[in-house]
């Protein structure tokens, strides 16, 4: 444990509480979680490449596409035993990255998945697919988070860039994300999860029924 981390941990313990998280702090994942767990009013905070990022209020502009993604992954998981869809779960990747992605889809350990639920009920290790709905956070999602997910072996990373009405769906190949391209019908296909299909135009239009109907 770093000296600064040890000191801040000791101060929090001695005072009977914990120092509040603040944007831009540099922390270890253990100290980040220790303090985050004691901030009951905070709904979203992340440690990205060792730096604390505090979530901003969620607008309808973000919530609508977020809801489509949650329904899309949950529907897929309900049809494919051995997979699990989770929303806004804390994922501990390494000592500098404790993230809270908008959605993810993982294989369960008995079916070859690499992620596990630890004793504190957090996810550890890389899920197979992470999805972020990027509004004001687009620069972070497309740079720092992508780098962290890639380095830690997340096989697919999908970003819905809401402000630009587009998707970036990367598949991990040779230690880098290679963007998937839609087929002739404008549908993106996962290479990791058979039948996980995303009709781009329907998703951008908010047509959840068509998005769900595309799943097999």
C-alpha atoms as a PDB file:
ATOM      1  CA  UNK A   1       0.000   0.000   0.000  1.00  0.00           C
ATOM      2  CA  UNK A   2       1.376   3.427  -0.933  1.00  0.00           C
ATOM      3  CA  UNK A   3       2.336   5.843   1.852  1.00  0.00           C
ATOM      4  CA  UNK A   4      -0.279   8.417   0.828  1.00  0.00           C
ATOM      5  CA  UNK A   5      -2.936   5.723   0.711  1.00  0.00           C
ATOM      6  CA  UNK A   6      -1.934   4.405   4.140  1.00  0.00           C
ATOM      7  CA  UNK A   7      -2.059   7.889   5.634  1.00  0.00           C
ATOM      8  CA  UNK A   8      -5.487   8.735   4.210  1.00  0.00           C
ATOM      9  CA  UNK A   9      -6.831   5.327   5.295  1.00  0.00           C
ATOM     10  CA  UNK A  10      -5.523   5.917   8.814  1.00  0.00           C
ATOM     11  CA  UNK A  11      -7.046   9.384   8.976  1.00  0.00           C
ATOM     12  CA  UNK A  12     -10.432   8.049   7.902  1.00  0.00           C
ATOM     13  CA  UNK A  13     -10.290   5.227  10.438  1.00  0.00           C
ATOM     14  CA  UNK A  14      -9.161   7.485  13.283  1.00  0.00           C
ATOM     15  CA  UNK A  15     -11.957   9.967  12.679  1.00  0.00           C
ATOM     16  CA  UNK A  16     -14.570   7.208  12.590  1.00  0.00           C
ATOM     17  CA  UNK A  17     -15.386   7.996   8.984  1.00  0.00           C
ATOM     18  CA  UNK A  18     -13.583   8.362   5.670  1.00  0.00           C
ATOM     19  CA  UNK A  19     -12.372  11.232   3.573  1.00  0.00           C
ATOM     20  CA  UNK A  20     -14.828  11.999   0.754  1.00  0.00           C
ATOM     21  CA  UNK A  21     -13.808  11.178  -2.773  1.00  0.00           C
ATOM     22  CA  UNK A  22     -12.995  14.112  -5.009  1.00  0.00           C
ATOM     23  CA  UNK A  23     -12.553  14.410  -8.746  1.00  0.00           C
ATOM     24  CA  UNK A  24      -8.966  14.108  -9.864  1.00  0.00           C
ATOM     25  CA  UNK A  25      -7.599  12.316  -6.798  1.00  0.00           C
ATOM     26  CA  UNK A  26      -4.995   9.642  -7.461  1.00  0.00           C
ATOM     27  CA  UNK A  27      -5.786   6.478  -5.479  1.00  0.00           C
ATOM     28  CA  UNK A  28      -5.296   2.729  -5.291  1.00  0.00           C
ATOM     29  CA  UNK A  29      -8.404   0.607  -5.887  1.00  0.00           C
ATOM     30  CA  UNK A  30      -8.494  -0.503  -2.228  1.00  0.00           C
ATOM     31  CA  UNK A  31      -8.542   3.057  -0.883  1.00  0.00           C
ATOM     32  CA  UNK A  32     -11.022   4.121  -3.555  1.00  0.00           C
ATOM     33  CA  UNK A  33     -13.495   1.398  -2.546  1.00  0.00           C
ATOM     34  CA  UNK A  34     -12.948   2.006   1.174  1.00  0.00           C
ATOM     35  CA  UNK A  35     -14.025   5.623   0.753  1.00  0.00           C
ATOM     36  CA  UNK A  36     -16.682   5.042  -1.899  1.00  0.00           C
ATOM     37  CA  UNK A  37     -18.484   2.507   0.289  1.00  0.00           C
ATOM     38  CA  UNK A  38     -18.829   5.167   2.982  1.00  0.00           C
ATOM     39  CA  UNK A  39     -20.380   7.797   0.666  1.00  0.00           C
ATOM     40  CA  UNK A  40     -23.951   6.503   0.656  1.00  0.00           C
ATOM     41  CA  UNK A  41     -25.341   9.479  -1.263  1.00  0.00           C
ATOM     42  CA  UNK A  42     -22.968   9.057  -4.193  1.00  0.00           C
ATOM     43  CA  UNK A  43     -24.519   6.938  -6.942  1.00  0.00           C
ATOM     44  CA  UNK A  44     -21.559   6.688  -9.282  1.00  0.00           C
ATOM     45  CA  UNK A  45     -17.826   7.114  -8.897  1.00  0.00           C
ATOM     46  CA  UNK A  46     -15.052   5.404 -10.808  1.00  0.00           C
ATOM     47  CA  UNK A  47     -11.303   4.976 -10.583  1.00  0.00           C
ATOM     48  CA  UNK A  48      -9.933   5.174 -14.114  1.00  0.00           C
ATOM     49  CA  UNK A  49      -6.216   4.666 -14.620  1.00  0.00           C
ATOM     50  CA  UNK A  50      -5.676   5.636 -10.981  1.00  0.00           C
ATOM     51  CA  UNK A  51      -7.728   8.861 -11.108  1.00  0.00           C
ATOM     52  CA  UNK A  52     -11.110   9.425  -9.412  1.00  0.00           C
ATOM     53  CA  UNK A  53     -14.017  10.469 -11.617  1.00  0.00           C
ATOM     54  CA  UNK A  54     -17.298  11.435  -9.961  1.00  0.00           C
ATOM     55  CA  UNK A  55     -20.513  10.874 -11.924  1.00  0.00           C
ATOM     56  CA  UNK A  56     -22.688  13.789 -12.963  1.00  0.00           C
ATOM     57  CA  UNK A  57     -26.519  13.868 -12.779  1.00  0.00           C
ATOM     58  CA  UNK A  58     -28.134  11.605 -15.380  1.00  0.00           C
ATOM     59  CA  UNK A  59     -30.199  13.329 -18.067  1.00  0.00           C
ATOM     60  CA  UNK A  60     -33.006  11.842 -20.146  1.00  0.00           C
ATOM     61  CA  UNK A  61     -30.629  12.199 -23.101  1.00  0.00           C
ATOM     62  CA  UNK A  62     -28.491   9.527 -21.448  1.00  0.00           C
ATOM     63  CA  UNK A  63     -31.235   7.495 -19.749  1.00  0.00           C
ATOM     64  CA  UNK A  64     -33.166   6.639 -22.931  1.00  0.00           C
ATOM     65  CA  UNK A  65     -30.342   4.886 -24.795  1.00  0.00           C
ATOM     66  CA  UNK A  66     -29.180   3.428 -21.497  1.00  0.00           C
ATOM     67  CA  UNK A  67     -32.581   1.778 -21.058  1.00  0.00           C
ATOM     68  CA  UNK A  68     -32.438   0.270 -24.547  1.00  0.00           C
ATOM     69  CA  UNK A  69     -29.019  -1.220 -23.859  1.00  0.00           C
ATOM     70  CA  UNK A  70     -30.133  -2.687 -20.524  1.00  0.00           C
ATOM     71  CA  UNK A  71     -33.176  -4.315 -22.156  1.00  0.00           C
ATOM     72  CA  UNK A  72     -31.106  -5.572 -25.094  1.00  0.00           C
ATOM     73  CA  UNK A  73     -28.504  -7.323 -22.949  1.00  0.00           C
ATOM     74  CA  UNK A  74     -31.018  -8.604 -20.377  1.00  0.00           C
ATOM     75  CA  UNK A  75     -33.161 -10.118 -23.143  1.00  0.00           C
ATOM     76  CA  UNK A  76     -30.142 -11.807 -24.701  1.00  0.00           C
ATOM     77  CA  UNK A  77     -29.037 -13.250 -21.353  1.00  0.00           C
ATOM     78  CA  UNK A  78     -32.542 -14.571 -20.676  1.00  0.00           C
ATOM     79  CA  UNK A  79     -32.327 -16.607 -23.873  1.00  0.00           C
ATOM     80  CA  UNK A  80     -28.757 -17.861 -23.456  1.00  0.00           C
ATOM     81  CA  UNK A  81     -28.030 -19.911 -20.326  1.00  0.00           C
ATOM     82  CA  UNK A  82     -24.543 -19.365 -18.994  1.00  0.00           C
ATOM     83  CA  UNK A  83     -24.569 -15.623 -19.633  1.00  0.00           C
ATOM     84  CA  UNK A  84     -25.476 -12.767 -17.321  1.00  0.00           C
ATOM     85  CA  UNK A  85     -26.298  -9.109 -17.986  1.00  0.00           C
ATOM     86  CA  UNK A  86     -25.497  -6.562 -15.270  1.00  0.00           C
ATOM     87  CA  UNK A  87     -26.133  -2.818 -15.092  1.00  0.00           C
ATOM     88  CA  UNK A  88     -24.023  -0.282 -13.188  1.00  0.00           C
ATOM     89  CA  UNK A  89     -22.107  -2.922 -11.253  1.00  0.00           C
ATOM     90  CA  UNK A  90     -18.707  -2.132  -9.748  1.00  0.00           C
ATOM     91  CA  UNK A  91     -15.946  -3.976 -11.628  1.00  0.00           C
ATOM     92  CA  UNK A  92     -12.454  -4.228 -10.140  1.00  0.00           C
ATOM     93  CA  UNK A  93      -9.989  -4.727 -12.980  1.00  0.00           C
ATOM     94  CA  UNK A  94      -6.657  -3.894 -11.345  1.00  0.00           C
ATOM     95  CA  UNK A  95      -5.047  -1.637  -8.742  1.00  0.00           C
ATOM     96  CA  UNK A  96      -5.787   1.495 -10.794  1.00  0.00           C
ATOM     97  CA  UNK A  97      -9.155   0.689 -12.352  1.00  0.00           C
ATOM     98  CA  UNK A  98     -12.382   0.149 -10.444  1.00  0.00           C
ATOM     99  CA  UNK A  99     -15.119   0.970 -12.925  1.00  0.00           C
ATOM    100  CA  UNK A 100     -18.899   1.110 -13.004  1.00  0.00           C
ATOM    101  CA  UNK A 101     -19.893   0.530 -16.636  1.00  0.00           C
ATOM    102  CA  UNK A 102     -23.416   1.322 -17.783  1.00  0.00           C
ATOM    103  CA  UNK A 103     -23.971  -2.307 -18.806  1.00  0.00           C
ATOM    104  CA  UNK A 104     -22.069  -5.494 -19.335  1.00  0.00           C
ATOM    105  CA  UNK A 105     -22.605  -9.039 -20.527  1.00  0.00           C
ATOM    106  CA  UNK A 106     -20.481 -11.852 -19.166  1.00  0.00           C
ATOM    107  CA  UNK A 107     -20.115 -15.577 -19.361  1.00  0.00           C
ATOM    108  CA  UNK A 108     -20.539 -17.251 -16.003  1.00  0.00           C
ATOM    109  CA  UNK A 109     -17.416 -18.979 -14.640  1.00  0.00           C
ATOM    110  CA  UNK A 110     -18.885 -22.460 -15.206  1.00  0.00           C
ATOM    111  CA  UNK A 111     -19.221 -21.537 -18.881  1.00  0.00           C
ATOM    112  CA  UNK A 112     -15.698 -20.213 -19.366  1.00  0.00           C
ATOM    113  CA  UNK A 113     -16.103 -16.666 -18.078  1.00  0.00           C
ATOM    114  CA  UNK A 114     -13.124 -14.925 -16.492  1.00  0.00           C
ATOM    115  CA  UNK A 115     -14.978 -12.550 -14.161  1.00  0.00           C
ATOM    116  CA  UNK A 116     -15.881 -13.530 -10.596  1.00  0.00           C
ATOM    117  CA  UNK A 117     -18.017 -12.131  -7.773  1.00  0.00           C
ATOM    118  CA  UNK A 118     -15.781 -11.484  -4.755  1.00  0.00           C
ATOM    119  CA  UNK A 119     -16.574 -11.622  -1.031  1.00  0.00           C
ATOM    120  CA  UNK A 120     -17.711  -7.980  -1.073  1.00  0.00           C
ATOM    121  CA  UNK A 121     -20.170  -8.730  -3.921  1.00  0.00           C
ATOM    122  CA  UNK A 122     -18.193  -6.805  -6.537  1.00  0.00           C
ATOM    123  CA  UNK A 123     -17.168  -8.175  -9.912  1.00  0.00           C
ATOM    124  CA  UNK A 124     -13.465  -8.849 -10.377  1.00  0.00           C
ATOM    125  CA  UNK A 125     -11.712  -9.644 -13.625  1.00  0.00           C
ATOM    126  CA  UNK A 126     -12.788  -8.876 -17.177  1.00  0.00           C
ATOM    127  CA  UNK A 127     -16.363  -9.443 -18.368  1.00  0.00           C
ATOM    128  CA  UNK A 128     -16.566 -10.414 -22.026  1.00  0.00           C
ATOM    129  CA  UNK A 129     -18.552  -7.334 -23.178  1.00  0.00           C
ATOM    130  CA  UNK A 130     -18.748  -3.857 -21.656  1.00  0.00           C
ATOM    131  CA  UNK A 131     -21.136  -1.160 -22.917  1.00  0.00           C
ATOM    132  CA  UNK A 132     -20.886   2.540 -22.137  1.00  0.00           C
ATOM    133  CA  UNK A 133     -23.464   5.168 -23.127  1.00  0.00           C
ATOM    134  CA  UNK A 134     -21.311   8.233 -23.713  1.00  0.00           C
ATOM    135  CA  UNK A 135     -22.701  11.747 -23.461  1.00  0.00           C
ATOM    136  CA  UNK A 136     -20.523  14.220 -21.627  1.00  0.00           C
ATOM    137  CA  UNK A 137     -18.156  11.351 -20.802  1.00  0.00           C
ATOM    138  CA  UNK A 138     -17.311  10.498 -24.419  1.00  0.00           C
ATOM    139  CA  UNK A 139     -13.662  11.552 -24.247  1.00  0.00           C
ATOM    140  CA  UNK A 140     -13.092   9.406 -21.140  1.00  0.00           C
ATOM    141  CA  UNK A 141     -15.017   6.417 -22.517  1.00  0.00           C
ATOM    142  CA  UNK A 142     -13.182   6.484 -25.837  1.00  0.00           C
ATOM    143  CA  UNK A 143      -9.715   7.003 -24.369  1.00  0.00           C
ATOM    144  CA  UNK A 144      -8.952   6.179 -20.729  1.00  0.00           C
ATOM    145  CA  UNK A 145     -11.640   3.536 -20.202  1.00  0.00           C
ATOM    146  CA  UNK A 146     -10.956   1.922 -23.551  1.00  0.00           C
ATOM    147  CA  UNK A 147      -7.277   1.655 -22.670  1.00  0.00           C
ATOM    148  CA  UNK A 148      -8.081   0.088 -19.271  1.00  0.00           C
ATOM    149  CA  UNK A 149     -10.602  -2.381 -20.688  1.00  0.00           C
ATOM    150  CA  UNK A 150      -8.234  -3.362 -23.490  1.00  0.00           C
ATOM    151  CA  UNK A 151      -5.246  -3.896 -21.220  1.00  0.00           C
ATOM    152  CA  UNK A 152      -7.312  -6.041 -18.830  1.00  0.00           C
ATOM    153  CA  UNK A 153      -8.682  -8.352 -21.506  1.00  0.00           C
ATOM    154  CA  UNK A 154     -12.306  -7.234 -21.993  1.00  0.00           C
ATOM    155  CA  UNK A 155     -13.028  -8.979 -25.285  1.00  0.00           C
ATOM    156  CA  UNK A 156     -15.552  -6.483 -26.686  1.00  0.00           C
ATOM    157  CA  UNK A 157     -16.159  -2.835 -25.866  1.00  0.00           C
ATOM    158  CA  UNK A 158     -19.213  -1.017 -27.224  1.00  0.00           C
ATOM    159  CA  UNK A 159     -19.626   2.744 -26.865  1.00  0.00           C
ATOM    160  CA  UNK A 160     -22.859   4.497 -27.868  1.00  0.00           C
ATOM    161  CA  UNK A 161     -21.697   8.043 -28.597  1.00  0.00           C
ATOM    162  CA  UNK A 162     -25.048   9.752 -28.068  1.00  0.00           C
ATOM    163  CA  UNK A 163     -24.044  13.277 -29.084  1.00  0.00           C
ATOM    164  CA  UNK A 164     -22.756  12.014 -32.446  1.00  0.00           C
ATOM    165  CA  UNK A 165     -25.465   9.373 -33.052  1.00  0.00           C
ATOM    166  CA  UNK A 166     -23.006   6.561 -33.671  1.00  0.00           C
ATOM    167  CA  UNK A 167     -21.605   3.366 -32.196  1.00  0.00           C
ATOM    168  CA  UNK A 168     -18.036   2.195 -31.744  1.00  0.00           C
ATOM    169  CA  UNK A 169     -17.935  -1.557 -31.155  1.00  0.00           C
ATOM    170  CA  UNK A 170     -14.425  -2.849 -30.746  1.00  0.00           C
ATOM    171  CA  UNK A 171     -13.309  -6.483 -30.646  1.00  0.00           C
ATOM    172  CA  UNK A 172     -10.007  -7.337 -28.943  1.00  0.00           C
ATOM    173  CA  UNK A 173      -7.597  -8.649 -31.563  1.00  0.00           C
ATOM    174  CA  UNK A 174      -3.812  -8.739 -31.069  1.00  0.00           C
ATOM    175  CA  UNK A 175      -4.075  -6.639 -27.884  1.00  0.00           C
ATOM    176  CA  UNK A 176      -6.010  -3.824 -29.575  1.00  0.00           C
ATOM    177  CA  UNK A 177      -9.657  -3.069 -30.308  1.00  0.00           C
ATOM    178  CA  UNK A 178     -10.624  -3.436 -33.962  1.00  0.00           C
ATOM    179  CA  UNK A 179     -13.921  -1.789 -34.870  1.00  0.00           C
ATOM    180  CA  UNK A 180     -16.731  -4.013 -36.094  1.00  0.00           C
ATOM    181  CA  UNK A 181     -18.591  -2.890 -39.205  1.00  0.00           C
ATOM    182  CA  UNK A 182     -22.358  -3.270 -39.805  1.00  0.00           C
ATOM    183  CA  UNK A 183     -23.510  -5.846 -42.339  1.00  0.00           C
ATOM    184  CA  UNK A 184     -25.443  -4.960 -45.506  1.00  0.00           C
ATOM    185  CA  UNK A 185     -28.635  -4.531 -43.441  1.00  0.00           C
ATOM    186  CA  UNK A 186     -26.956  -2.106 -41.064  1.00  0.00           C
ATOM    187  CA  UNK A 187     -26.667  -4.626 -38.202  1.00  0.00           C
ATOM    188  CA  UNK A 188     -23.656  -5.025 -35.914  1.00  0.00           C
ATOM    189  CA  UNK A 189     -22.815  -8.571 -34.767  1.00  0.00           C
ATOM    190  CA  UNK A 190     -20.875  -9.625 -31.687  1.00  0.00           C
ATOM    191  CA  UNK A 191     -17.977 -11.971 -32.358  1.00  0.00           C
ATOM    192  CA  UNK A 192     -18.060 -13.282 -28.790  1.00  0.00           C
ATOM    193  CA  UNK A 193     -21.784 -13.839 -28.198  1.00  0.00           C
ATOM    194  CA  UNK A 194     -23.574 -15.621 -31.062  1.00  0.00           C
ATOM    195  CA  UNK A 195     -26.887 -13.998 -31.906  1.00  0.00           C
ATOM    196  CA  UNK A 196     -26.129 -10.695 -30.157  1.00  0.00           C
ATOM    197  CA  UNK A 197     -27.119  -8.349 -32.962  1.00  0.00           C
ATOM    198  CA  UNK A 198     -27.627  -4.572 -32.895  1.00  0.00           C
ATOM    199  CA  UNK A 199     -29.589  -2.875 -35.720  1.00  0.00           C
ATOM    200  CA  UNK A 200     -27.921   0.515 -35.748  1.00  0.00           C
ATOM    201  CA  UNK A 201     -30.676   2.669 -37.264  1.00  0.00           C
ATOM    202  CA  UNK A 202     -33.363   1.237 -34.976  1.00  0.00           C
ATOM    203  CA  UNK A 203     -31.243   1.777 -31.863  1.00  0.00           C
ATOM    204  CA  UNK A 204     -30.442   5.366 -32.821  1.00  0.00           C
ATOM    205  CA  UNK A 205     -34.147   5.996 -33.460  1.00  0.00           C
ATOM    206  CA  UNK A 206     -35.066   4.648 -30.009  1.00  0.00           C
ATOM    207  CA  UNK A 207     -36.991   1.738 -31.538  1.00  0.00           C
ATOM    208  CA  UNK A 208     -36.499  -0.768 -28.718  1.00  0.00           C
ATOM    209  CA  UNK A 209     -38.945  -3.294 -30.186  1.00  0.00           C
ATOM    210  CA  UNK A 210     -36.887  -3.666 -33.365  1.00  0.00           C
ATOM    211  CA  UNK A 211     -33.646  -3.849 -31.388  1.00  0.00           C
ATOM    212  CA  UNK A 212     -34.974  -6.705 -29.275  1.00  0.00           C
ATOM    213  CA  UNK A 213     -36.505  -8.477 -32.270  1.00  0.00           C
ATOM    214  CA  UNK A 214     -33.047  -8.646 -33.903  1.00  0.00           C
ATOM    215  CA  UNK A 215     -31.718 -10.919 -31.161  1.00  0.00           C
ATOM    216  CA  UNK A 216     -31.475 -14.629 -31.849  1.00  0.00           C
END
